[in-house]
Amino acid sequence: MKTRPQKRHKALQPLSREHHHGLLLSWKIRSGFRKKIDPERIRVYAYWFFANHLIPHFEIEETHIFPILDLDHKLVKRALADHRRLKRLFTQNGDATTLNKIEEELERHIRFEERILFPEIQKSATETQLKQFEIIHQPENFEDKLDDEFWR
């Protein structure tokens, strides 16, 4: 069964683009392992990505997007639990096992947000809430760390 892309409100499109970059992180980790790259090289990139992209992304979602549904909503609780689990993984030593868990957890989490949580938020949000978020969260140019492109 082929999954069709979700039609995303303009205000939420920058978050979906950020999710795309997160999926690329998972792909880069998998590629690194397929190519038998030293896990330390993969860890350096993954932890840089976490600090520079995932933490700010999580903060925006937790502060401005999740409250649209309510922090007690079951889907929001699941997303918050995912964020906590990912943050814990990124505070570990970054060995191959941890990196594999990060790759799997991050991809699963992003697919959940894109396919289940965001459509629910989009249905519940008022146009005023979405416009306000659009003002708060402007799309940024993604800057990658390209000094060691181990995935190529």
N, C-alpha and C. Protein backbone atom coordinates (compact mmCIF):
# COMPACT_ATOMS: atom_id res chain seq x y z
N MET A 1 0.84 -1.18 0.00
CA MET A 1 0.00 0.00 0.00
C MET A 1 0.89 1.24 0.00
N LYS A 2 0.67 2.11 -0.95
CA LYS A 2 1.47 3.32 -1.07
C LYS A 2 0.85 4.43 -0.23
N THR A 3 1.68 5.14 0.56
CA THR A 3 1.20 6.24 1.38
C THR A 3 1.28 7.53 0.58
N ARG A 4 0.17 8.25 0.52
CA ARG A 4 0.16 9.53 -0.19
C ARG A 4 0.65 10.63 0.73
N PRO A 5 1.38 11.61 0.20
CA PRO A 5 1.84 12.72 1.03
C PRO A 5 0.65 13.48 1.61
N GLN A 6 0.81 13.94 2.83
CA GLN A 6 -0.23 14.71 3.49
C GLN A 6 -0.21 16.14 2.97
N LYS A 7 -1.38 16.72 2.77
CA LYS A 7 -1.47 18.13 2.40
C LYS A 7 -1.30 18.92 3.69
N ARG A 8 -0.25 19.69 3.76
CA ARG A 8 0.11 20.39 4.97
C ARG A 8 -0.24 21.87 4.85
N HIS A 9 -0.83 22.42 5.91
CA HIS A 9 -1.11 23.85 5.94
C HIS A 9 0.21 24.60 5.81
N LYS A 10 0.17 25.74 5.16
CA LYS A 10 1.37 26.54 4.91
C LYS A 10 2.15 26.82 6.19
N ALA A 11 1.47 27.04 7.30
CA ALA A 11 2.13 27.35 8.55
C ALA A 11 2.95 26.18 9.08
N LEU A 12 2.53 24.96 8.75
CA LEU A 12 3.21 23.77 9.27
C LEU A 12 4.25 23.21 8.30
N GLN A 13 4.29 23.74 7.09
CA GLN A 13 5.23 23.22 6.09
C GLN A 13 6.70 23.33 6.52
N PRO A 14 7.12 24.42 7.18
CA PRO A 14 8.53 24.46 7.62
C PRO A 14 8.87 23.32 8.59
N LEU A 15 7.94 22.95 9.47
CA LEU A 15 8.19 21.83 10.38
C LEU A 15 8.31 20.52 9.60
N SER A 16 7.48 20.36 8.58
CA SER A 16 7.57 19.15 7.75
C SER A 16 8.90 19.10 7.00
N ARG A 17 9.41 20.25 6.56
CA ARG A 17 10.72 20.27 5.91
C ARG A 17 11.81 19.89 6.92
N GLU A 18 11.66 20.36 8.16
CA GLU A 18 12.62 19.98 9.20
C GLU A 18 12.54 18.48 9.46
N HIS A 19 11.33 17.92 9.40
CA HIS A 19 11.19 16.47 9.55
C HIS A 19 11.94 15.75 8.43
N HIS A 20 11.89 16.29 7.23
CA HIS A 20 12.61 15.69 6.11
C HIS A 20 14.10 15.61 6.44
N HIS A 21 14.66 16.67 7.02
CA HIS A 21 16.08 16.66 7.38
C HIS A 21 16.35 15.63 8.48
N GLY A 22 15.40 15.44 9.39
CA GLY A 22 15.54 14.41 10.41
C GLY A 22 15.55 13.01 9.80
N LEU A 23 14.69 12.80 8.80
CA LEU A 23 14.69 11.51 8.11
C LEU A 23 16.01 11.29 7.38
N LEU A 24 16.57 12.37 6.86
CA LEU A 24 17.89 12.25 6.22
C LEU A 24 18.96 11.87 7.23
N LEU A 25 18.84 12.37 8.47
CA LEU A 25 19.79 11.95 9.50
C LEU A 25 19.72 10.44 9.69
N SER A 26 18.51 9.90 9.80
CA SER A 26 18.36 8.45 9.94
C SER A 26 19.00 7.73 8.75
N TRP A 27 18.76 8.23 7.57
CA TRP A 27 19.33 7.62 6.37
C TRP A 27 20.86 7.69 6.41
N LYS A 28 21.41 8.82 6.85
CA LYS A 28 22.88 8.97 6.91
C LYS A 28 23.48 7.99 7.90
N ILE A 29 22.82 7.80 9.05
CA ILE A 29 23.31 6.83 10.02
C ILE A 29 23.31 5.43 9.41
N ARG A 30 22.19 5.05 8.77
CA ARG A 30 22.11 3.73 8.12
C ARG A 30 23.19 3.59 7.05
N SER A 31 23.37 4.63 6.25
CA SER A 31 24.38 4.60 5.19
C SER A 31 25.77 4.42 5.77
N GLY A 32 26.04 5.13 6.86
CA GLY A 32 27.35 5.00 7.50
C GLY A 32 27.62 3.58 7.95
N PHE A 33 26.62 2.93 8.54
CA PHE A 33 26.81 1.55 8.97
C PHE A 33 26.97 0.60 7.78
N ARG A 34 26.18 0.82 6.72
CA ARG A 34 26.31 -0.02 5.52
C ARG A 34 27.72 0.08 4.93
N LYS A 35 28.30 1.27 5.03
CA LYS A 35 29.64 1.49 4.46
C LYS A 35 30.75 1.15 5.46
N LYS A 36 30.36 0.62 6.64
CA LYS A 36 31.32 0.22 7.67
C LYS A 36 32.16 1.41 8.17
N ILE A 37 31.50 2.56 8.31
CA ILE A 37 32.15 3.77 8.82
C ILE A 37 32.33 3.63 10.33
N ASP A 38 33.43 4.13 10.84
CA ASP A 38 33.69 4.14 12.29
C ASP A 38 32.51 4.85 12.98
N PRO A 39 31.87 4.19 13.95
CA PRO A 39 30.73 4.81 14.64
C PRO A 39 31.04 6.18 15.25
N GLU A 40 32.28 6.43 15.59
CA GLU A 40 32.63 7.75 16.16
C GLU A 40 32.38 8.85 15.15
N ARG A 41 32.68 8.62 13.89
CA ARG A 41 32.43 9.63 12.85
C ARG A 41 30.93 9.88 12.73
N ILE A 42 30.15 8.82 12.78
CA ILE A 42 28.69 8.95 12.69
C ILE A 42 28.16 9.70 13.91
N ARG A 43 28.69 9.35 15.09
CA ARG A 43 28.27 9.99 16.33
C ARG A 43 28.51 11.50 16.28
N VAL A 44 29.68 11.92 15.82
CA VAL A 44 30.00 13.35 15.77
C VAL A 44 28.94 14.09 14.95
N TYR A 45 28.60 13.54 13.79
CA TYR A 45 27.58 14.19 12.96
C TYR A 45 26.21 14.15 13.62
N ALA A 46 25.80 12.99 14.11
CA ALA A 46 24.45 12.84 14.69
C ALA A 46 24.27 13.77 15.89
N TYR A 47 25.28 13.87 16.74
CA TYR A 47 25.15 14.71 17.93
C TYR A 47 25.19 16.19 17.56
N TRP A 48 25.94 16.53 16.52
CA TRP A 48 25.90 17.91 16.01
C TRP A 48 24.49 18.23 15.51
N PHE A 49 23.90 17.32 14.75
CA PHE A 49 22.56 17.52 14.21
C PHE A 49 21.55 17.68 15.34
N PHE A 50 21.68 16.86 16.35
CA PHE A 50 20.77 16.94 17.51
C PHE A 50 20.83 18.33 18.14
N ALA A 51 22.03 18.80 18.45
CA ALA A 51 22.19 20.09 19.12
C ALA A 51 21.73 21.25 18.25
N ASN A 52 22.00 21.19 16.97
CA ASN A 52 21.74 22.33 16.08
C ASN A 52 20.37 22.32 15.41
N HIS A 53 19.76 21.15 15.30
CA HIS A 53 18.49 21.08 14.59
C HIS A 53 17.36 20.43 15.39
N LEU A 54 17.63 19.30 16.04
CA LEU A 54 16.53 18.62 16.73
C LEU A 54 16.08 19.35 18.00
N ILE A 55 17.01 19.80 18.80
CA ILE A 55 16.62 20.50 20.04
C ILE A 55 15.76 21.73 19.71
N PRO A 56 16.19 22.62 18.82
CA PRO A 56 15.32 23.76 18.49
C PRO A 56 13.97 23.34 17.91
N HIS A 57 13.97 22.28 17.11
CA HIS A 57 12.73 21.78 16.52
C HIS A 57 11.78 21.27 17.62
N PHE A 58 12.31 20.47 18.53
CA PHE A 58 11.49 19.96 19.63
C PHE A 58 10.90 21.12 20.45
N GLU A 59 11.72 22.13 20.71
CA GLU A 59 11.25 23.27 21.52
C GLU A 59 10.10 24.01 20.84
N ILE A 60 10.19 24.20 19.54
CA ILE A 60 9.11 24.87 18.79
C ILE A 60 7.84 24.03 18.87
N GLU A 61 7.96 22.74 18.62
CA GLU A 61 6.78 21.88 18.68
C GLU A 61 6.14 21.90 20.08
N GLU A 62 6.97 21.72 21.10
CA GLU A 62 6.46 21.62 22.46
C GLU A 62 5.86 22.93 22.96
N THR A 63 6.40 24.04 22.53
CA THR A 63 5.93 25.35 22.99
C THR A 63 4.74 25.87 22.21
N HIS A 64 4.74 25.64 20.89
CA HIS A 64 3.74 26.31 20.05
C HIS A 64 2.77 25.40 19.30
N ILE A 65 3.16 24.17 19.03
CA ILE A 65 2.30 23.30 18.22
C ILE A 65 1.49 22.33 19.06
N PHE A 66 2.14 21.61 19.96
CA PHE A 66 1.44 20.62 20.77
C PHE A 66 0.31 21.23 21.61
N PRO A 67 0.49 22.45 22.17
CA PRO A 67 -0.62 23.01 22.96
C PRO A 67 -1.90 23.26 22.16
N ILE A 68 -1.83 23.26 20.85
CA ILE A 68 -3.05 23.43 20.05
C ILE A 68 -4.02 22.29 20.37
N LEU A 69 -3.50 21.08 20.53
CA LEU A 69 -4.36 19.94 20.88
C LEU A 69 -4.60 19.87 22.38
N ASP A 70 -3.63 20.25 23.18
CA ASP A 70 -3.65 20.18 24.64
C ASP A 70 -2.57 19.18 25.03
N LEU A 71 -1.80 19.54 26.01
CA LEU A 71 -0.68 18.69 26.43
C LEU A 71 -1.14 17.37 27.04
N ASP A 72 -2.42 17.26 27.40
CA ASP A 72 -2.95 16.01 27.93
C ASP A 72 -3.54 15.10 26.85
N HIS A 73 -3.56 15.55 25.63
CA HIS A 73 -4.07 14.73 24.52
C HIS A 73 -3.16 13.52 24.34
N LYS A 74 -3.73 12.35 24.09
CA LYS A 74 -2.94 11.11 24.01
C LYS A 74 -1.86 11.18 22.92
N LEU A 75 -2.14 11.82 21.80
CA LEU A 75 -1.14 11.90 20.73
C LEU A 75 0.01 12.83 21.13
N VAL A 76 -0.32 13.90 21.82
CA VAL A 76 0.71 14.83 22.29
C VAL A 76 1.56 14.15 23.35
N LYS A 77 0.92 13.40 24.25
CA LYS A 77 1.68 12.67 25.27
C LYS A 77 2.66 11.69 24.62
N ARG A 78 2.22 11.04 23.56
CA ARG A 78 3.11 10.11 22.85
C ARG A 78 4.29 10.86 22.24
N ALA A 79 4.01 12.00 21.60
CA ALA A 79 5.08 12.79 20.98
C ALA A 79 6.07 13.29 22.04
N LEU A 80 5.56 13.75 23.17
CA LEU A 80 6.44 14.23 24.24
C LEU A 80 7.30 13.08 24.79
N ALA A 81 6.70 11.90 24.93
CA ALA A 81 7.46 10.74 25.39
C ALA A 81 8.56 10.39 24.37
N ASP A 82 8.23 10.48 23.09
CA ASP A 82 9.23 10.25 22.04
C ASP A 82 10.38 11.25 22.17
N HIS A 83 10.06 12.52 22.37
CA HIS A 83 11.09 13.56 22.51
C HIS A 83 12.00 13.23 23.69
N ARG A 84 11.40 12.86 24.82
CA ARG A 84 12.21 12.52 26.01
C ARG A 84 13.12 11.33 25.73
N ARG A 85 12.58 10.31 25.07
CA ARG A 85 13.36 9.11 24.75
C ARG A 85 14.52 9.46 23.81
N LEU A 86 14.26 10.28 22.81
CA LEU A 86 15.33 10.68 21.89
C LEU A 86 16.39 11.51 22.61
N LYS A 87 15.97 12.42 23.46
CA LYS A 87 16.94 13.23 24.22
C LYS A 87 17.80 12.33 25.10
N ARG A 88 17.20 11.32 25.73
CA ARG A 88 17.98 10.38 26.55
C ARG A 88 18.99 9.63 25.69
N LEU A 89 18.57 9.18 24.52
CA LEU A 89 19.49 8.46 23.64
C LEU A 89 20.68 9.35 23.26
N PHE A 90 20.41 10.62 23.01
CA PHE A 90 21.48 11.52 22.61
C PHE A 90 22.39 11.91 23.78
N THR A 91 22.00 11.58 25.01
CA THR A 91 22.90 11.86 26.14
C THR A 91 23.76 10.64 26.46
N GLN A 92 23.53 9.54 25.75
CA GLN A 92 24.35 8.35 25.95
C GLN A 92 25.65 8.46 25.16
N ASN A 93 26.48 7.46 25.29
CA ASN A 93 27.84 7.52 24.74
C ASN A 93 27.94 7.52 23.23
N GLY A 94 26.91 7.18 22.52
CA GLY A 94 26.94 7.23 21.06
C GLY A 94 27.65 6.05 20.41
N ASP A 95 27.63 4.89 21.07
CA ASP A 95 28.21 3.71 20.44
C ASP A 95 27.28 3.23 19.33
N ALA A 96 27.67 2.18 18.64
CA ALA A 96 26.90 1.69 17.48
C ALA A 96 25.47 1.31 17.87
N THR A 97 25.30 0.68 19.03
CA THR A 97 23.96 0.28 19.47
C THR A 97 23.08 1.50 19.69
N THR A 98 23.61 2.50 20.34
CA THR A 98 22.84 3.73 20.59
C THR A 98 22.50 4.44 19.28
N LEU A 99 23.46 4.51 18.38
CA LEU A 99 23.21 5.15 17.08
C LEU A 99 22.12 4.41 16.31
N ASN A 100 22.13 3.09 16.37
CA ASN A 100 21.06 2.32 15.71
C ASN A 100 19.70 2.64 16.33
N LYS A 101 19.64 2.75 17.64
CA LYS A 101 18.39 3.10 18.32
C LYS A 101 17.93 4.50 17.92
N ILE A 102 18.88 5.44 17.86
CA ILE A 102 18.54 6.81 17.45
C ILE A 102 17.94 6.79 16.05
N GLU A 103 18.59 6.10 15.15
CA GLU A 103 18.12 6.03 13.76
C GLU A 103 16.70 5.48 13.69
N GLU A 104 16.44 4.41 14.40
CA GLU A 104 15.11 3.78 14.37
C GLU A 104 14.06 4.64 15.07
N GLU A 105 14.39 5.14 16.26
CA GLU A 105 13.43 5.94 17.05
C GLU A 105 13.09 7.24 16.33
N LEU A 106 14.09 7.89 15.77
CA LEU A 106 13.86 9.17 15.10
C LEU A 106 12.96 8.98 13.88
N GLU A 107 13.23 7.98 13.07
CA GLU A 107 12.40 7.76 11.89
C GLU A 107 10.96 7.42 12.29
N ARG A 108 10.81 6.54 13.27
CA ARG A 108 9.47 6.16 13.73
C ARG A 108 8.72 7.39 14.26
N HIS A 109 9.41 8.21 15.04
CA HIS A 109 8.79 9.41 15.61
C HIS A 109 8.34 10.39 14.53
N ILE A 110 9.20 10.64 13.56
CA ILE A 110 8.85 11.59 12.49
C ILE A 110 7.67 11.07 11.68
N ARG A 111 7.67 9.79 11.37
CA ARG A 111 6.53 9.22 10.62
C ARG A 111 5.23 9.38 11.42
N PHE A 112 5.29 9.15 12.74
CA PHE A 112 4.12 9.34 13.60
C PHE A 112 3.64 10.80 13.55
N GLU A 113 4.55 11.74 13.71
CA GLU A 113 4.13 13.14 13.69
C GLU A 113 3.54 13.52 12.34
N GLU A 114 4.19 13.12 11.26
CA GLU A 114 3.72 13.51 9.93
C GLU A 114 2.40 12.83 9.54
N ARG A 115 2.24 11.57 9.88
CA ARG A 115 1.07 10.82 9.42
C ARG A 115 -0.12 10.87 10.38
N ILE A 116 0.14 11.07 11.67
CA ILE A 116 -0.93 10.98 12.65
C ILE A 116 -1.12 12.28 13.43
N LEU A 117 -0.04 12.76 14.08
CA LEU A 117 -0.18 13.93 14.95
C LEU A 117 -0.46 15.22 14.19
N PHE A 118 0.33 15.53 13.18
CA PHE A 118 0.14 16.79 12.47
C PHE A 118 -1.22 16.90 11.79
N PRO A 119 -1.72 15.83 11.15
CA PRO A 119 -3.07 15.95 10.59
C PRO A 119 -4.12 16.25 11.66
N GLU A 120 -3.96 15.67 12.84
CA GLU A 120 -4.89 15.93 13.93
C GLU A 120 -4.78 17.38 14.41
N ILE A 121 -3.56 17.87 14.53
CA ILE A 121 -3.35 19.26 14.93
C ILE A 121 -3.93 20.19 13.88
N GLN A 122 -3.69 19.88 12.63
CA GLN A 122 -4.19 20.70 11.53
C GLN A 122 -5.72 20.77 11.54
N LYS A 123 -6.38 19.65 11.86
CA LYS A 123 -7.85 19.63 11.93
C LYS A 123 -8.36 20.47 13.09
N SER A 124 -7.63 20.47 14.20
CA SER A 124 -8.08 21.14 15.42
C SER A 124 -7.72 22.62 15.48
N ALA A 125 -6.67 23.01 14.80
CA ALA A 125 -6.17 24.38 14.90
C ALA A 125 -7.12 25.36 14.20
N THR A 126 -7.23 26.52 14.81
CA THR A 126 -7.97 27.59 14.16
C THR A 126 -7.04 28.29 13.17
N GLU A 127 -7.63 29.00 12.26
CA GLU A 127 -6.81 29.76 11.30
C GLU A 127 -5.96 30.79 12.04
N THR A 128 -6.49 31.36 13.10
CA THR A 128 -5.75 32.34 13.92
C THR A 128 -4.52 31.68 14.55
N GLN A 129 -4.68 30.47 15.09
CA GLN A 129 -3.55 29.77 15.69
C GLN A 129 -2.48 29.48 14.65
N LEU A 130 -2.89 29.04 13.48
CA LEU A 130 -1.93 28.73 12.43
C LEU A 130 -1.22 29.98 11.93
N LYS A 131 -1.95 31.07 11.79
CA LYS A 131 -1.33 32.34 11.36
C LYS A 131 -0.32 32.81 12.40
N GLN A 132 -0.69 32.69 13.68
CA GLN A 132 0.21 33.09 14.76
C GLN A 132 1.49 32.25 14.73
N PHE A 133 1.35 30.96 14.50
CA PHE A 133 2.52 30.09 14.42
C PHE A 133 3.38 30.46 13.22
N GLU A 134 2.74 30.80 12.13
CA GLU A 134 3.47 31.19 10.92
C GLU A 134 4.35 32.42 11.19
N ILE A 135 3.86 33.32 12.03
CA ILE A 135 4.63 34.51 12.40
C ILE A 135 5.80 34.12 13.30
N ILE A 136 5.56 33.22 14.23
CA ILE A 136 6.57 32.82 15.21
C ILE A 136 7.68 32.00 14.57
N HIS A 137 7.32 31.06 13.71
CA HIS A 137 8.31 30.11 13.17
C HIS A 137 8.49 30.33 11.68
N GLN A 138 9.48 31.09 11.36
CA GLN A 138 9.81 31.35 9.96
C GLN A 138 10.73 30.25 9.44
N PRO A 139 10.53 29.85 8.19
CA PRO A 139 11.43 28.83 7.63
C PRO A 139 12.87 29.34 7.62
N GLU A 140 13.77 28.45 7.95
CA GLU A 140 15.19 28.80 7.94
C GLU A 140 15.89 28.00 6.85
N ASN A 141 16.97 28.55 6.37
CA ASN A 141 17.80 27.79 5.43
C ASN A 141 18.54 26.73 6.22
N PHE A 142 18.38 25.50 5.81
CA PHE A 142 19.05 24.40 6.49
C PHE A 142 20.54 24.45 6.19
N GLU A 143 21.34 24.45 7.24
CA GLU A 143 22.79 24.40 7.07
C GLU A 143 23.29 23.08 7.62
N ASP A 144 23.94 22.33 6.77
CA ASP A 144 24.43 21.01 7.16
C ASP A 144 25.90 21.09 7.54
N LYS A 145 26.34 20.08 8.25
CA LYS A 145 27.75 19.92 8.64
C LYS A 145 28.38 19.02 7.59
N LEU A 146 29.20 19.60 6.75
CA LEU A 146 29.71 18.85 5.58
C LEU A 146 31.21 18.61 5.63
N ASP A 147 31.82 18.73 6.81
CA ASP A 147 33.25 18.53 6.88
C ASP A 147 33.66 17.06 6.85
N ASP A 148 32.68 16.15 7.06
CA ASP A 148 32.95 14.72 7.00
C ASP A 148 31.69 14.02 6.47
N GLU A 149 31.54 13.99 5.16
CA GLU A 149 30.35 13.40 4.55
C GLU A 149 30.50 11.89 4.42
N PHE A 150 30.50 11.21 5.55
CA PHE A 150 30.70 9.76 5.60
C PHE A 150 29.63 8.99 4.85
N TRP A 151 28.49 9.57 4.63
CA TRP A 151 27.36 8.87 4.00
C TRP A 151 27.46 8.81 2.48
N ARG A 152 28.38 9.53 1.90
CA ARG A 152 28.52 9.56 0.43
C ARG A 152 29.26 8.37 -0.10
